[in-house]
N, C-alpha and C. Protein backbone atom coordinates (compact mmCIF):
# COMPACT_ATOMS: atom_id res chain seq x y z
N MET A 1 102.65 98.49 67.85
CA MET A 1 101.88 98.10 68.93
C MET A 1 101.33 96.82 68.53
N GLY A 2 101.50 95.80 69.78
CA GLY A 2 101.45 94.45 69.10
C GLY A 2 99.53 94.24 69.06
N ALA A 3 99.18 93.33 68.41
CA ALA A 3 98.23 92.67 68.08
C ALA A 3 97.32 92.76 69.38
N LEU A 4 97.84 91.97 70.66
CA LEU A 4 96.74 92.03 71.46
C LEU A 4 96.61 93.16 72.21
N HIS A 5 97.54 94.15 72.03
CA HIS A 5 97.55 95.35 72.48
C HIS A 5 96.52 96.41 71.80
N LYS A 6 96.47 96.01 70.66
CA LYS A 6 95.78 96.74 69.30
C LYS A 6 94.17 96.35 69.61
N ALA A 7 93.89 94.84 70.25
CA ALA A 7 92.74 94.41 70.19
C ALA A 7 92.25 94.82 71.22
N GLN A 8 92.87 94.76 72.45
CA GLN A 8 92.49 95.31 73.58
C GLN A 8 91.81 96.66 73.61
N LEU A 9 92.41 97.45 73.07
CA LEU A 9 92.28 98.95 72.83
C LEU A 9 90.72 99.31 71.97
N GLU A 10 90.72 98.53 71.14
CA GLU A 10 89.46 98.56 70.34
C GLU A 10 88.60 97.85 71.04
N GLN A 11 88.31 97.04 72.10
CA GLN A 11 87.50 96.63 72.96
C GLN A 11 87.35 97.45 73.67
N LEU A 12 88.01 98.14 74.56
CA LEU A 12 87.78 99.39 75.53
C LEU A 12 87.22 100.30 74.52
N THR A 13 87.37 100.70 73.33
CA THR A 13 86.87 101.78 72.66
C THR A 13 85.73 101.62 72.21
N ALA A 14 85.14 100.29 71.90
CA ALA A 14 84.24 99.76 71.55
C ALA A 14 82.96 99.73 72.54
N ALA A 15 83.38 99.65 74.01
CA ALA A 15 82.26 99.73 75.18
C ALA A 15 82.33 101.16 75.47
N LYS A 16 82.89 101.90 74.81
CA LYS A 16 82.50 103.53 75.07
C LYS A 16 83.83 103.92 76.14
N CYS A 17 84.46 103.55 76.47
CA CYS A 17 85.21 104.00 77.43
C CYS A 17 85.91 105.25 77.40
N SER A 18 85.76 106.22 77.97
CA SER A 18 86.05 107.93 77.77
C SER A 18 87.51 107.77 78.20
N ILE A 19 88.05 107.15 78.94
CA ILE A 19 89.71 107.40 79.48
C ILE A 19 90.15 105.80 79.51
N ILE A 20 91.11 106.04 78.70
CA ILE A 20 91.79 104.65 78.79
C ILE A 20 93.17 104.79 79.38
N TYR A 21 93.45 103.55 80.53
CA TYR A 21 94.67 103.88 80.96
C TYR A 21 95.75 102.58 80.16
N GLN A 22 97.05 102.94 79.55
CA GLN A 22 97.65 102.09 79.51
C GLN A 22 99.04 101.60 80.29
N GLU A 23 99.28 100.59 80.85
CA GLU A 23 100.17 100.23 81.67
C GLU A 23 101.19 99.47 80.90
N LYS A 24 102.40 99.61 81.05
CA LYS A 24 103.64 98.79 80.49
C LYS A 24 103.82 97.91 81.52
N ALA A 25 103.88 98.01 82.89
CA ALA A 25 104.12 97.45 83.84
C ALA A 25 103.68 96.31 84.26
N SER A 26 103.79 94.72 84.57
CA SER A 26 103.23 94.16 84.77
C SER A 26 102.36 93.74 86.02
N SER A 27 100.97 93.29 85.23
CA SER A 27 99.74 93.35 86.20
C SER A 27 100.26 92.66 87.95
N ALA A 28 101.18 91.81 87.81
CA ALA A 28 101.48 91.20 88.80
C ALA A 28 102.78 92.10 90.02
N ARG A 29 102.83 93.32 89.21
CA ARG A 29 103.33 94.31 90.46
C ARG A 29 102.42 95.19 90.81
N ASP A 30 102.80 95.77 91.99
CA ASP A 30 101.94 96.20 92.67
C ASP A 30 102.54 98.30 92.53
N ASP A 31 103.53 98.54 92.01
CA ASP A 31 103.90 99.92 92.12
C ASP A 31 103.79 100.40 90.26
N ARG A 32 102.62 100.43 90.19
CA ARG A 32 102.00 100.52 88.63
C ARG A 32 101.66 102.12 88.53
N LYS A 33 102.34 102.89 87.77
CA LYS A 33 101.80 104.14 87.85
C LYS A 33 100.55 104.63 87.39
N GLU A 34 100.20 103.82 86.04
CA GLU A 34 98.90 104.01 85.60
C GLU A 34 97.95 103.59 86.47
N LEU A 35 98.02 102.54 87.29
CA LEU A 35 97.13 102.24 88.17
C LEU A 35 96.81 102.94 89.19
N ALA A 36 98.02 103.70 89.55
CA ALA A 36 97.87 104.56 90.84
C ALA A 36 97.44 105.24 90.72
N ARG A 37 97.47 106.28 89.27
CA ARG A 37 96.70 107.44 88.63
C ARG A 37 95.10 106.98 88.64
N MET A 38 94.87 105.97 88.05
CA MET A 38 93.53 105.66 87.77
C MET A 38 93.05 105.90 89.05
N MET A 39 93.23 105.09 90.22
CA MET A 39 92.92 104.79 91.34
C MET A 39 92.29 106.26 92.15
N LYS A 40 93.67 106.81 92.04
CA LYS A 40 93.38 108.41 92.50
C LYS A 40 92.43 109.52 92.09
N GLY A 41 92.18 109.00 90.86
CA GLY A 41 91.12 109.82 89.96
C GLY A 41 90.03 109.44 90.03
N LEU A 42 89.83 108.07 90.71
CA LEU A 42 88.27 107.59 91.00
C LEU A 42 87.08 108.54 91.42
N GLN A 43 85.85 108.67 90.88
CA GLN A 43 84.67 109.26 91.16
C GLN A 43 83.84 108.28 91.39
N ALA A 44 82.46 108.75 92.32
CA ALA A 44 81.64 107.89 92.44
C ALA A 44 80.52 107.94 90.71
N GLY A 45 80.63 106.70 90.93
CA GLY A 45 79.56 106.69 89.60
C GLY A 45 80.65 106.37 88.22
N ASP A 46 81.89 106.49 88.90
CA ASP A 46 82.71 105.83 87.54
C ASP A 46 82.77 104.56 87.32
N LEU A 47 83.15 103.95 86.13
CA LEU A 47 83.11 102.39 85.74
C LEU A 47 84.30 101.81 85.24
N VAL A 48 85.20 101.06 86.23
CA VAL A 48 86.72 100.66 85.61
C VAL A 48 86.29 99.60 84.84
N MET A 49 86.70 99.35 83.53
CA MET A 49 86.48 98.09 82.72
C MET A 49 87.56 97.84 82.33
N VAL A 50 87.98 96.47 82.28
CA VAL A 50 89.37 95.73 81.90
C VAL A 50 89.01 94.97 80.75
N THR A 51 89.48 94.27 79.58
CA THR A 51 89.23 93.37 78.67
C THR A 51 89.15 91.98 79.39
N ARG A 52 90.02 91.62 80.15
CA ARG A 52 90.33 90.52 81.22
C ARG A 52 90.86 91.09 82.26
N ILE A 53 90.28 89.88 83.11
CA ILE A 53 90.89 90.35 84.81
C ILE A 53 92.34 90.43 84.75
N ASP A 54 92.94 89.27 84.37
CA ASP A 54 94.25 89.35 84.68
C ASP A 54 95.41 90.57 83.78
N ARG A 55 94.53 91.25 83.33
CA ARG A 55 95.15 92.75 82.82
C ARG A 55 95.46 93.76 84.24
N LEU A 56 94.71 93.79 85.16
CA LEU A 56 94.59 94.45 86.03
C LEU A 56 95.36 94.08 87.36
N MET A 57 95.00 92.85 87.71
CA MET A 57 95.45 91.99 89.10
C MET A 57 95.78 90.44 88.85
N ARG A 58 96.74 89.62 89.59
CA ARG A 58 96.89 88.60 89.42
C ARG A 58 96.97 87.82 90.52
N SER A 59 96.59 88.34 91.42
CA SER A 59 95.92 87.59 92.98
C SER A 59 95.34 87.91 93.66
N ILE A 60 94.48 86.90 94.34
CA ILE A 60 93.26 87.24 95.37
C ILE A 60 93.47 88.69 96.25
N PHE A 61 94.61 88.50 96.47
CA PHE A 61 95.14 89.80 97.33
C PHE A 61 95.02 91.04 96.66
N GLN A 62 95.52 91.36 95.45
CA GLN A 62 95.38 92.24 94.53
C GLN A 62 94.22 92.60 94.32
N MET A 63 93.32 91.24 93.77
CA MET A 63 91.76 91.60 93.58
C MET A 63 90.73 92.33 94.58
N PHE A 64 91.13 91.89 96.00
CA PHE A 64 90.29 92.23 96.94
C PHE A 64 90.91 93.82 97.05
N ARG A 65 92.10 94.14 96.95
CA ARG A 65 92.69 95.27 97.49
C ARG A 65 91.88 96.44 96.35
N ILE A 66 92.40 95.90 94.92
CA ILE A 66 91.92 96.79 94.18
C ILE A 66 90.39 97.09 93.91
N VAL A 67 89.75 95.89 93.74
CA VAL A 67 88.26 96.11 93.55
C VAL A 67 87.43 96.95 94.76
N SER A 68 87.94 96.82 95.93
CA SER A 68 87.24 97.18 97.30
C SER A 68 87.87 98.92 96.83
N HIS A 69 88.95 99.19 96.84
CA HIS A 69 89.42 100.49 96.67
C HIS A 69 87.80 101.16 95.38
N ILE A 70 87.99 100.62 94.35
CA ILE A 70 87.06 101.01 93.39
C ILE A 70 85.89 101.21 94.01
N VAL A 71 85.14 100.06 94.52
CA VAL A 71 84.27 100.32 95.08
C VAL A 71 83.94 101.19 96.41
N ASP A 72 84.75 101.69 97.34
CA ASP A 72 84.60 102.59 98.57
C ASP A 72 84.85 103.72 97.80
N ALA A 73 85.28 104.08 96.60
CA ALA A 73 85.47 105.15 95.81
C ALA A 73 83.98 105.79 95.43
N GLY A 74 82.76 104.72 95.44
CA GLY A 74 81.52 104.77 94.94
C GLY A 74 81.38 104.60 93.07
N ALA A 75 82.68 103.51 92.69
CA ALA A 75 82.78 103.34 91.46
C ALA A 75 82.91 102.12 91.08
N ASN A 76 82.39 101.71 90.20
CA ASN A 76 81.95 100.22 90.06
C ASN A 76 82.96 99.38 88.89
N PHE A 77 83.14 98.04 88.95
CA PHE A 77 83.99 97.58 87.94
C PHE A 77 83.59 96.44 87.39
N ARG A 78 83.85 96.44 85.85
CA ARG A 78 83.35 95.28 84.73
C ARG A 78 84.40 94.89 84.17
N GLU A 79 84.70 93.20 84.20
CA GLU A 79 85.30 92.86 82.93
C GLU A 79 84.64 92.32 81.64
N LEU A 80 84.89 92.96 80.48
CA LEU A 80 84.62 92.58 79.39
C LEU A 80 84.27 91.40 78.71
N SER A 81 85.24 90.52 79.05
CA SER A 81 85.49 89.39 78.39
C SER A 81 84.59 88.26 79.39
N GLN A 82 83.71 88.82 80.33
CA GLN A 82 83.12 88.08 81.54
C GLN A 82 81.82 88.58 82.21
N PRO A 83 80.76 88.96 80.89
CA PRO A 83 79.68 90.09 81.78
C PRO A 83 79.30 89.35 82.95
N LEU A 84 80.16 88.50 83.93
CA LEU A 84 79.06 88.30 85.24
C LEU A 84 80.03 89.05 85.82
N ALA A 85 81.31 89.20 85.48
CA ALA A 85 82.66 90.14 86.37
C ALA A 85 81.96 91.14 86.52
N ASP A 86 80.99 91.99 87.45
CA ASP A 86 80.64 93.24 87.76
C ASP A 86 79.98 93.46 89.08
N THR A 87 80.51 94.40 89.64
CA THR A 87 80.53 94.76 91.21
C THR A 87 78.97 95.24 91.32
N THR A 88 78.05 95.75 90.33
CA THR A 88 76.90 95.97 90.74
C THR A 88 75.88 95.11 90.90
N THR A 89 76.18 93.70 91.01
CA THR A 89 75.45 92.81 91.17
C THR A 89 76.20 91.89 92.35
N SER A 90 75.24 91.17 93.39
CA SER A 90 75.56 90.38 94.43
C SER A 90 76.48 89.00 93.61
N SER A 91 75.95 88.75 92.42
CA SER A 91 76.53 87.47 92.10
C SER A 91 77.73 87.97 91.15
N GLY A 92 77.54 89.00 90.73
CA GLY A 92 78.72 89.54 90.09
C GLY A 92 80.17 89.66 91.08
N ARG A 93 79.90 90.00 92.34
CA ARG A 93 80.70 90.44 93.33
C ARG A 93 81.38 88.84 93.41
N MET A 94 80.30 87.84 93.63
CA MET A 94 81.00 86.64 94.16
C MET A 94 81.57 85.66 92.57
N TYR A 95 81.17 86.19 91.39
CA TYR A 95 82.30 85.85 90.58
C TYR A 95 83.51 86.19 90.56
N LEU A 96 83.67 87.79 90.87
CA LEU A 96 84.94 88.19 90.78
C LEU A 96 85.70 87.40 92.22
N ALA A 97 85.40 87.04 93.12
CA ALA A 97 86.29 86.23 94.11
C ALA A 97 86.58 85.03 93.27
N ILE A 98 85.88 84.33 92.45
CA ILE A 98 86.42 82.96 92.04
C ILE A 98 87.26 83.47 90.83
N LEU A 99 86.62 84.30 90.08
CA LEU A 99 88.05 84.67 89.00
C LEU A 99 89.18 84.89 89.80
N SER A 100 89.24 85.66 90.96
CA SER A 100 90.76 86.11 91.32
C SER A 100 91.40 85.11 91.73
N GLY A 101 90.59 83.67 91.88
CA GLY A 101 91.28 82.45 92.85
C GLY A 101 92.09 81.94 91.21
N PHE A 102 91.49 82.12 90.21
CA PHE A 102 92.01 81.26 89.14
C PHE A 102 93.29 82.21 88.61
N ALA A 103 93.15 83.49 88.80
CA ALA A 103 93.94 84.40 88.40
C ALA A 103 95.43 84.47 89.32
N ASP A 104 95.04 83.92 90.42
CA ASP A 104 96.23 83.87 91.17
C ASP A 104 96.82 82.31 91.03
N LEU A 105 96.15 81.16 90.44
CA LEU A 105 96.64 80.08 89.78
C LEU A 105 97.76 80.18 88.57
N ASN A 106 97.35 81.01 88.24
CA ASN A 106 97.87 81.33 86.70
C ASN A 106 99.35 82.19 86.71
N ALA A 107 99.21 82.73 87.96
CA ALA A 107 100.58 83.91 88.49
C ALA A 107 101.65 83.11 88.80
N ARG A 108 101.24 81.69 89.38
CA ARG A 108 102.51 80.95 89.65
C ARG A 108 103.17 80.15 89.04
C-alpha cells in the first residue's frame, strides 16, 4: 500500500467512516465499480466523505452528476481537506461548484 493511500485510509478512519470504498480506477473514469456500488447503496442520512475532491471526480460534469445523485438520495457530501465543501450548507454547495472547476482544470 502506497503512503498516499495509507494516509487517505487513516484520515477516513479518523473521521469515523464506517464504510470505506477503495477504487483502483482513476477518478477521471465513469465506469468505476466501487463508485457504482456506493451510489447504489446510498440511503437518506448517509454522509459521503472524501479526503480530497479529486479522489471522487475530475470534472465539473462528474461533480454535478455525482453530488446530485448523493443529494437526491437524501445523503450529503463532505471533503475532509476543505471543510467548506459540505452539501449541508448553501455556502458549501457554492464552494463545491468552485472546486469542481479547479478539478476540471487539473484533469486536462
